[in-house]
Amino acid sequence: GMIEAIAHLLNRDYTEIGQDFINLDFIPEGTDTKPIVPALTKVFDVALAGGGAKSINFQELAADLAEITFEYPFKIPPYLALVIR
């Protein structure tokens, strides 16, 4: 799941990102991701614009993703909550 999501991000294959987020348990199963994908596309295009992964500003990325979580049904999966603690 995570490797596929990273591959889709690096290749900017954003049409698959919605399903990746479902597979990773960031979005509940059965959620229509069509309206979410454009928002994710905008966030990740900005994050990846500076030349790839090493130039990503993770604070800005986290802030942009946080804004989306108020508009769409995102959740923090249990496995990630443990890492954050």
PDB file of N, CA and C in Angstrom:
ATOM      1  N   GLY A   1       0.794  -1.193   0.000  1.00  0.00           N
ATOM      2  CA  GLY A   1       0.000   0.000   0.000  1.00  0.00           C
ATOM      3  C   GLY A   1       0.843   1.265   0.000  1.00  0.00           C
ATOM      4  N   MET A   2       1.758   1.384   0.962  1.00  0.00           N
ATOM      5  CA  MET A   2       2.559   2.606   1.086  1.00  0.00           C
ATOM      6  C   MET A   2       3.487   2.761  -0.120  1.00  0.00           C
ATOM      7  N   ILE A   3       4.087   1.677  -0.567  1.00  0.00           N
ATOM      8  CA  ILE A   3       5.004   1.750  -1.710  1.00  0.00           C
ATOM      9  C   ILE A   3       4.254   2.161  -2.969  1.00  0.00           C
ATOM     10  N   GLU A   4       3.052   1.608  -3.164  1.00  0.00           N
ATOM     11  CA  GLU A   4       2.243   2.006  -4.316  1.00  0.00           C
ATOM     12  C   GLU A   4       1.906   3.493  -4.249  1.00  0.00           C
ATOM     13  N   ALA A   5       1.533   3.957  -3.076  1.00  0.00           N
ATOM     14  CA  ALA A   5       1.178   5.368  -2.921  1.00  0.00           C
ATOM     15  C   ALA A   5       2.371   6.266  -3.233  1.00  0.00           C
ATOM     16  N   ILE A   6       3.537   5.900  -2.748  1.00  0.00           N
ATOM     17  CA  ILE A   6       4.739   6.690  -3.018  1.00  0.00           C
ATOM     18  C   ILE A   6       5.049   6.687  -4.513  1.00  0.00           C
ATOM     19  N   ALA A   7       4.933   5.516  -5.138  1.00  0.00           N
ATOM     20  CA  ALA A   7       5.172   5.427  -6.586  1.00  0.00           C
ATOM     21  C   ALA A   7       4.185   6.302  -7.349  1.00  0.00           C
ATOM     22  N   HIS A   8       2.920   6.270  -6.953  1.00  0.00           N
ATOM     23  CA  HIS A   8       1.931   7.115  -7.626  1.00  0.00           C
ATOM     24  C   HIS A   8       2.231   8.592  -7.418  1.00  0.00           C
ATOM     25  N   LEU A   9       2.665   8.965  -6.222  1.00  0.00           N
ATOM     26  CA  LEU A   9       3.010  10.370  -5.972  1.00  0.00           C
ATOM     27  C   LEU A   9       4.203  10.811  -6.809  1.00  0.00           C
ATOM     28  N   LEU A  10       5.262  10.000  -6.797  1.00  0.00           N
ATOM     29  CA  LEU A  10       6.464  10.378  -7.537  1.00  0.00           C
ATOM     30  C   LEU A  10       6.220  10.462  -9.041  1.00  0.00           C
ATOM     31  N   ASN A  11       5.323   9.612  -9.537  1.00  0.00           N
ATOM     32  CA  ASN A  11       4.984   9.626 -10.964  1.00  0.00           C
ATOM     33  C   ASN A  11       3.821  10.565 -11.270  1.00  0.00           C
ATOM     34  N   ARG A  12       3.345  11.234 -10.225  1.00  0.00           N
ATOM     35  CA  ARG A  12       2.221  12.157 -10.329  1.00  0.00           C
ATOM     36  C   ARG A  12       0.993  11.503 -10.966  1.00  0.00           C
ATOM     37  N   ASP A  13       0.783  10.257 -10.596  1.00  0.00           N
ATOM     38  CA  ASP A  13      -0.380   9.502 -11.046  1.00  0.00           C
ATOM     39  C   ASP A  13      -1.487   9.717 -10.021  1.00  0.00           C
ATOM     40  N   TYR A  14      -2.009  10.930 -10.010  1.00  0.00           N
ATOM     41  CA  TYR A  14      -2.931  11.344  -8.967  1.00  0.00           C
ATOM     42  C   TYR A  14      -4.287  10.647  -9.042  1.00  0.00           C
ATOM     43  N   THR A  15      -4.648  10.112 -10.199  1.00  0.00           N
ATOM     44  CA  THR A  15      -5.930   9.418 -10.292  1.00  0.00           C
ATOM     45  C   THR A  15      -5.974   8.206  -9.363  1.00  0.00           C
ATOM     46  N   GLU A  16      -4.813   7.654  -9.016  1.00  0.00           N
ATOM     47  CA  GLU A  16      -4.748   6.485  -8.133  1.00  0.00           C
ATOM     48  C   GLU A  16      -4.611   6.859  -6.651  1.00  0.00           C
ATOM     49  N   ILE A  17      -4.326   8.108  -6.363  1.00  0.00           N
ATOM     50  CA  ILE A  17      -4.063   8.523  -4.986  1.00  0.00           C
ATOM     51  C   ILE A  17      -5.287   8.340  -4.088  1.00  0.00           C
ATOM     52  N   GLY A  18      -6.466   8.605  -4.601  1.00  0.00           N
ATOM     53  CA  GLY A  18      -7.675   8.415  -3.803  1.00  0.00           C
ATOM     54  C   GLY A  18      -7.801   6.983  -3.305  1.00  0.00           C
ATOM     55  N   GLN A  19      -7.597   6.027  -4.205  1.00  0.00           N
ATOM     56  CA  GLN A  19      -7.665   4.622  -3.802  1.00  0.00           C
ATOM     57  C   GLN A  19      -6.509   4.260  -2.875  1.00  0.00           C
ATOM     58  N   ASP A  20      -5.339   4.839  -3.112  1.00  0.00           N
ATOM     59  CA  ASP A  20      -4.204   4.600  -2.207  1.00  0.00           C
ATOM     60  C   ASP A  20      -4.542   5.052  -0.791  1.00  0.00           C
ATOM     61  N   PHE A  21      -5.184   6.212  -0.667  1.00  0.00           N
ATOM     62  CA  PHE A  21      -5.539   6.712   0.657  1.00  0.00           C
ATOM     63  C   PHE A  21      -6.584   5.825   1.321  1.00  0.00           C
ATOM     64  N   ILE A  22      -7.477   5.225   0.534  1.00  0.00           N
ATOM     65  CA  ILE A  22      -8.428   4.250   1.086  1.00  0.00           C
ATOM     66  C   ILE A  22      -7.675   3.006   1.544  1.00  0.00           C
ATOM     67  N   ASN A  23      -6.769   2.504   0.695  1.00  0.00           N
ATOM     68  CA  ASN A  23      -5.996   1.312   1.040  1.00  0.00           C
ATOM     69  C   ASN A  23      -5.160   1.512   2.303  1.00  0.00           C
ATOM     70  N   LEU A  24      -4.663   2.738   2.493  1.00  0.00           N
ATOM     71  CA  LEU A  24      -3.841   3.050   3.663  1.00  0.00           C
ATOM     72  C   LEU A  24      -4.683   3.446   4.876  1.00  0.00           C
ATOM     73  N   ASP A  25      -5.993   3.442   4.713  1.00  0.00           N
ATOM     74  CA  ASP A  25      -6.946   3.725   5.791  1.00  0.00           C
ATOM     75  C   ASP A  25      -6.962   5.198   6.203  1.00  0.00           C
ATOM     76  N   PHE A  26      -6.580   6.091   5.292  1.00  0.00           N
ATOM     77  CA  PHE A  26      -6.689   7.533   5.546  1.00  0.00           C
ATOM     78  C   PHE A  26      -8.090   8.043   5.198  1.00  0.00           C
ATOM     79  N   ILE A  27      -8.754   7.322   4.293  1.00  0.00           N
ATOM     80  CA  ILE A  27     -10.111   7.662   3.873  1.00  0.00           C
ATOM     81  C   ILE A  27     -10.954   6.401   4.065  1.00  0.00           C
ATOM     82  N   PRO A  28     -12.163   6.541   4.631  1.00  0.00           N
ATOM     83  CA  PRO A  28     -12.995   5.361   4.864  1.00  0.00           C
ATOM     84  C   PRO A  28     -13.359   4.622   3.574  1.00  0.00           C
ATOM     85  N   GLU A  29     -13.416   3.310   3.666  1.00  0.00           N
ATOM     86  CA  GLU A  29     -13.831   2.451   2.546  1.00  0.00           C
ATOM     87  C   GLU A  29     -15.212   2.901   2.077  1.00  0.00           C
ATOM     88  N   GLY A  30     -15.408   2.930   0.771  1.00  0.00           N
ATOM     89  CA  GLY A  30     -16.700   3.308   0.206  1.00  0.00           C
ATOM     90  C   GLY A  30     -16.858   4.785  -0.073  1.00  0.00           C
ATOM     91  N   THR A  31     -15.865   5.590   0.294  1.00  0.00           N
ATOM     92  CA  THR A  31     -15.920   7.035   0.050  1.00  0.00           C
ATOM     93  C   THR A  31     -15.655   7.319  -1.424  1.00  0.00           C
ATOM     94  N   ASP A  32     -16.447   8.197  -2.008  1.00  0.00           N
ATOM     95  CA  ASP A  32     -16.216   8.634  -3.381  1.00  0.00           C
ATOM     96  C   ASP A  32     -15.025   9.592  -3.374  1.00  0.00           C
ATOM     97  N   THR A  33     -13.927   9.185  -3.970  1.00  0.00           N
ATOM     98  CA  THR A  33     -12.710  10.006  -3.939  1.00  0.00           C
ATOM     99  C   THR A  33     -12.614  10.997  -5.094  1.00  0.00           C
ATOM    100  N   LYS A  34     -13.573  10.959  -6.017  1.00  0.00           N
ATOM    101  CA  LYS A  34     -13.505  11.878  -7.166  1.00  0.00           C
ATOM    102  C   LYS A  34     -13.389  13.345  -6.750  1.00  0.00           C
ATOM    103  N   PRO A  35     -14.140  13.814  -5.757  1.00  0.00           N
ATOM    104  CA  PRO A  35     -13.975  15.221  -5.366  1.00  0.00           C
ATOM    105  C   PRO A  35     -12.710  15.482  -4.543  1.00  0.00           C
ATOM    106  N   ILE A  36     -12.122  14.451  -3.968  1.00  0.00           N
ATOM    107  CA  ILE A  36     -10.932  14.604  -3.130  1.00  0.00           C
ATOM    108  C   ILE A  36      -9.665  14.677  -3.966  1.00  0.00           C
ATOM    109  N   VAL A  37      -9.625  13.937  -5.068  1.00  0.00           N
ATOM    110  CA  VAL A  37      -8.410  13.843  -5.885  1.00  0.00           C
ATOM    111  C   VAL A  37      -7.923  15.200  -6.385  1.00  0.00           C
ATOM    112  N   PRO A  38      -8.781  16.101  -6.876  1.00  0.00           N
ATOM    113  CA  PRO A  38      -8.266  17.420  -7.301  1.00  0.00           C
ATOM    114  C   PRO A  38      -7.598  18.199  -6.169  1.00  0.00           C
ATOM    115  N   ALA A  39      -8.144  18.106  -4.959  1.00  0.00           N
ATOM    116  CA  ALA A  39      -7.537  18.803  -3.818  1.00  0.00           C
ATOM    117  C   ALA A  39      -6.177  18.199  -3.495  1.00  0.00           C
ATOM    118  N   LEU A  40      -6.092  16.871  -3.514  1.00  0.00           N
ATOM    119  CA  LEU A  40      -4.809  16.212  -3.265  1.00  0.00           C
ATOM    120  C   LEU A  40      -3.802  16.528  -4.367  1.00  0.00           C
ATOM    121  N   THR A  41      -4.280  16.580  -5.600  1.00  0.00           N
ATOM    122  CA  THR A  41      -3.416  16.906  -6.734  1.00  0.00           C
ATOM    123  C   THR A  41      -2.773  18.274  -6.531  1.00  0.00           C
ATOM    124  N   LYS A  42      -3.584  19.245  -6.146  1.00  0.00           N
ATOM    125  CA  LYS A  42      -3.069  20.605  -5.927  1.00  0.00           C
ATOM    126  C   LYS A  42      -2.003  20.613  -4.835  1.00  0.00           C
ATOM    127  N   VAL A  43      -2.279  19.941  -3.718  1.00  0.00           N
ATOM    128  CA  VAL A  43      -1.344  19.915  -2.595  1.00  0.00           C
ATOM    129  C   VAL A  43      -0.035  19.241  -2.991  1.00  0.00           C
ATOM    130  N   PHE A  44      -0.124  18.077  -3.634  1.00  0.00           N
ATOM    131  CA  PHE A  44       1.090  17.338  -3.966  1.00  0.00           C
ATOM    132  C   PHE A  44       1.850  17.958  -5.134  1.00  0.00           C
ATOM    133  N   ASP A  45       1.163  18.613  -6.066  1.00  0.00           N
ATOM    134  CA  ASP A  45       1.871  19.327  -7.140  1.00  0.00           C
ATOM    135  C   ASP A  45       2.747  20.430  -6.559  1.00  0.00           C
ATOM    136  N   VAL A  46       2.202  21.167  -5.595  1.00  0.00           N
ATOM    137  CA  VAL A  46       2.976  22.227  -4.947  1.00  0.00           C
ATOM    138  C   VAL A  46       4.161  21.622  -4.183  1.00  0.00           C
ATOM    139  N   ALA A  47       3.910  20.541  -3.468  1.00  0.00           N
ATOM    140  CA  ALA A  47       4.963  19.913  -2.661  1.00  0.00           C
ATOM    141  C   ALA A  47       6.093  19.359  -3.525  1.00  0.00           C
ATOM    142  N   LEU A  48       5.740  18.810  -4.678  1.00  0.00           N
ATOM    143  CA  LEU A  48       6.754  18.182  -5.536  1.00  0.00           C
ATOM    144  C   LEU A  48       7.355  19.137  -6.563  1.00  0.00           C
ATOM    145  N   ALA A  49       6.886  20.365  -6.602  1.00  0.00           N
ATOM    146  CA  ALA A  49       7.318  21.315  -7.621  1.00  0.00           C
ATOM    147  C   ALA A  49       8.791  21.695  -7.525  1.00  0.00           C
ATOM    148  N   GLY A  50       9.368  21.627  -6.343  1.00  0.00           N
ATOM    149  CA  GLY A  50      10.729  22.102  -6.152  1.00  0.00           C
ATOM    150  C   GLY A  50      11.831  21.135  -6.516  1.00  0.00           C
ATOM    151  N   GLY A  51      11.536  20.060  -7.201  1.00  0.00           N
ATOM    152  CA  GLY A  51      12.601  19.177  -7.649  1.00  0.00           C
ATOM    153  C   GLY A  51      12.631  17.813  -6.977  1.00  0.00           C
ATOM    154  N   GLY A  52      11.513  17.383  -6.443  1.00  0.00           N
ATOM    155  CA  GLY A  52      11.481  16.037  -5.890  1.00  0.00           C
ATOM    156  C   GLY A  52      11.417  15.980  -4.387  1.00  0.00           C
ATOM    157  N   ALA A  53      11.587  14.785  -3.890  1.00  0.00           N
ATOM    158  CA  ALA A  53      11.367  14.501  -2.473  1.00  0.00           C
ATOM    159  C   ALA A  53      12.291  15.276  -1.544  1.00  0.00           C
ATOM    160  N   LYS A  54      13.540  15.473  -1.934  1.00  0.00           N
ATOM    161  CA  LYS A  54      14.472  16.120  -1.008  1.00  0.00           C
ATOM    162  C   LYS A  54      14.193  17.610  -0.815  1.00  0.00           C
ATOM    163  N   SER A  55      13.415  18.203  -1.699  1.00  0.00           N
ATOM    164  CA  SER A  55      13.116  19.624  -1.560  1.00  0.00           C
ATOM    165  C   SER A  55      11.725  19.883  -0.975  1.00  0.00           C
ATOM    166  N   ILE A  56      11.027  18.835  -0.546  1.00  0.00           N
ATOM    167  CA  ILE A  56       9.685  19.007   0.004  1.00  0.00           C
ATOM    168  C   ILE A  56       9.763  19.708   1.357  1.00  0.00           C
ATOM    169  N   ASN A  57       8.936  20.719   1.528  1.00  0.00           N
ATOM    170  CA  ASN A  57       8.791  21.385   2.813  1.00  0.00           C
ATOM    171  C   ASN A  57       7.662  20.656   3.555  1.00  0.00           C
ATOM    172  N   PHE A  58       8.032  19.780   4.474  1.00  0.00           N
ATOM    173  CA  PHE A  58       7.048  18.929   5.122  1.00  0.00           C
ATOM    174  C   PHE A  58       6.089  19.705   6.019  1.00  0.00           C
ATOM    175  N   GLN A  59       6.523  20.824   6.567  1.00  0.00           N
ATOM    176  CA  GLN A  59       5.612  21.640   7.376  1.00  0.00           C
ATOM    177  C   GLN A  59       4.506  22.228   6.513  1.00  0.00           C
ATOM    178  N   GLU A  60       4.864  22.732   5.348  1.00  0.00           N
ATOM    179  CA  GLU A  60       3.861  23.276   4.431  1.00  0.00           C
ATOM    180  C   GLU A  60       2.947  22.175   3.922  1.00  0.00           C
ATOM    181  N   LEU A  61       3.524  21.014   3.586  1.00  0.00           N
ATOM    182  CA  LEU A  61       2.732  19.886   3.117  1.00  0.00           C
ATOM    183  C   LEU A  61       1.730  19.458   4.188  1.00  0.00           C
ATOM    184  N   ALA A  62       2.186  19.336   5.419  1.00  0.00           N
ATOM    185  CA  ALA A  62       1.300  18.934   6.517  1.00  0.00           C
ATOM    186  C   ALA A  62       0.189  19.965   6.724  1.00  0.00           C
ATOM    187  N   ALA A  63       0.523  21.238   6.636  1.00  0.00           N
ATOM    188  CA  ALA A  63      -0.478  22.295   6.805  1.00  0.00           C
ATOM    189  C   ALA A  63      -1.519  22.242   5.688  1.00  0.00           C
ATOM    190  N   ASP A  64      -1.059  22.042   4.451  1.00  0.00           N
ATOM    191  CA  ASP A  64      -1.990  21.957   3.318  1.00  0.00           C
ATOM    192  C   ASP A  64      -2.884  20.729   3.430  1.00  0.00           C
ATOM    193  N   LEU A  65      -2.313  19.601   3.838  1.00  0.00           N
ATOM    194  CA  LEU A  65      -3.118  18.390   4.020  1.00  0.00           C
ATOM    195  C   LEU A  65      -4.105  18.556   5.171  1.00  0.00           C
ATOM    196  N   ALA A  66      -3.693  19.255   6.210  1.00  0.00           N
ATOM    197  CA  ALA A  66      -4.585  19.491   7.348  1.00  0.00           C
ATOM    198  C   ALA A  66      -5.830  20.269   6.915  1.00  0.00           C
ATOM    199  N   GLU A  67      -5.653  21.232   6.031  1.00  0.00           N
ATOM    200  CA  GLU A  67      -6.797  21.998   5.528  1.00  0.00           C
ATOM    201  C   GLU A  67      -7.793  21.092   4.813  1.00  0.00           C
ATOM    202  N   ILE A  68      -7.289  20.150   4.041  1.00  0.00           N
ATOM    203  CA  ILE A  68      -8.157  19.239   3.301  1.00  0.00           C
ATOM    204  C   ILE A  68      -8.938  18.335   4.246  1.00  0.00           C
ATOM    205  N   THR A  69      -8.334  17.974   5.364  1.00  0.00           N
ATOM    206  CA  THR A  69      -9.001  17.045   6.280  1.00  0.00           C
ATOM    207  C   THR A  69     -10.281  17.633   6.876  1.00  0.00           C
ATOM    208  N   PHE A  70     -10.418  18.950   6.867  1.00  0.00           N
ATOM    209  CA  PHE A  70     -11.640  19.569   7.362  1.00  0.00           C
ATOM    210  C   PHE A  70     -12.756  19.541   6.316  1.00  0.00           C
ATOM    211  N   GLU A  71     -12.372  19.403   5.049  1.00  0.00           N
ATOM    212  CA  GLU A  71     -13.348  19.410   3.973  1.00  0.00           C
ATOM    213  C   GLU A  71     -13.798  18.010   3.561  1.00  0.00           C
ATOM    214  N   TYR A  72     -12.965  17.019   3.787  1.00  0.00           N
ATOM    215  CA  TYR A  72     -13.234  15.654   3.331  1.00  0.00           C
ATOM    216  C   TYR A  72     -13.066  14.671   4.487  1.00  0.00           C
ATOM    217  N   PRO A  73     -13.598  13.462   4.349  1.00  0.00           N
ATOM    218  CA  PRO A  73     -13.599  12.500   5.464  1.00  0.00           C
ATOM    219  C   PRO A  73     -12.273  11.769   5.683  1.00  0.00           C
ATOM    220  N   PHE A  74     -11.260  12.486   6.101  1.00  0.00           N
ATOM    221  CA  PHE A  74      -9.967  11.865   6.396  1.00  0.00           C
ATOM    222  C   PHE A  74      -9.931  11.387   7.837  1.00  0.00           C
ATOM    223  N   LYS A  75      -9.075  10.426   8.101  1.00  0.00           N
ATOM    224  CA  LYS A  75      -8.860   9.954   9.465  1.00  0.00           C
ATOM    225  C   LYS A  75      -7.407   9.525   9.615  1.00  0.00           C
ATOM    226  N   ILE A  76      -6.950   9.463  10.843  1.00  0.00           N
ATOM    227  CA  ILE A  76      -5.597   8.994  11.135  1.00  0.00           C
ATOM    228  C   ILE A  76      -5.702   7.506  11.457  1.00  0.00           C
ATOM    229  N   PRO A  77      -5.089   6.651  10.637  1.00  0.00           N
ATOM    230  CA  PRO A  77      -5.156   5.216  10.910  1.00  0.00           C
ATOM    231  C   PRO A  77      -4.376   4.861  12.174  1.00  0.00           C
ATOM    232  N   PRO A  78      -4.789   3.804  12.867  1.00  0.00           N
ATOM    233  CA  PRO A  78      -4.136   3.421  14.125  1.00  0.00           C
ATOM    234  C   PRO A  78      -2.625   3.205  14.006  1.00  0.00           C
ATOM    235  N   TYR A  79      -2.167   2.614  12.897  1.00  0.00           N
ATOM    236  CA  TYR A  79      -0.736   2.368  12.764  1.00  0.00           C
ATOM    237  C   TYR A  79       0.057   3.669  12.695  1.00  0.00           C
ATOM    238  N   LEU A  80      -0.520   4.721  12.141  1.00  0.00           N
ATOM    239  CA  LEU A  80       0.162   6.006  12.057  1.00  0.00           C
ATOM    240  C   LEU A  80       0.087   6.743  13.394  1.00  0.00           C
ATOM    241  N   ALA A  81      -1.006   6.597  14.091  1.00  0.00           N
ATOM    242  CA  ALA A  81      -1.138   7.232  15.400  1.00  0.00           C
ATOM    243  C   ALA A  81      -0.058   6.746  16.350  1.00  0.00           C
ATOM    244  N   LEU A  82       0.303   5.477  16.264  1.00  0.00           N
ATOM    245  CA  LEU A  82       1.367   4.940  17.101  1.00  0.00           C
ATOM    246  C   LEU A  82       2.716   5.560  16.760  1.00  0.00           C
ATOM    247  N   VAL A  83       2.955   5.777  15.485  1.00  0.00           N
ATOM    248  CA  VAL A  83       4.221   6.383  15.042  1.00  0.00           C
ATOM    249  C   VAL A  83       4.304   7.834  15.505  1.00  0.00           C
ATOM    250  N   ILE A  84       3.189   8.546  15.427  1.00  0.00           N
ATOM    251  CA  ILE A  84       3.164   9.952  15.809  1.00  0.00           C
ATOM    252  C   ILE A  84       3.425  10.129  17.296  1.00  0.00           C
ATOM    253  N   ARG A  85       2.923   9.206  18.107  1.00  0.00           N
ATOM    254  CA  ARG A  85       3.098   9.297  19.563  1.00  0.00           C
ATOM    255  C   ARG A  85       4.565   9.238  19.881  1.00  0.00           C
TER     256      ARG A  85
END
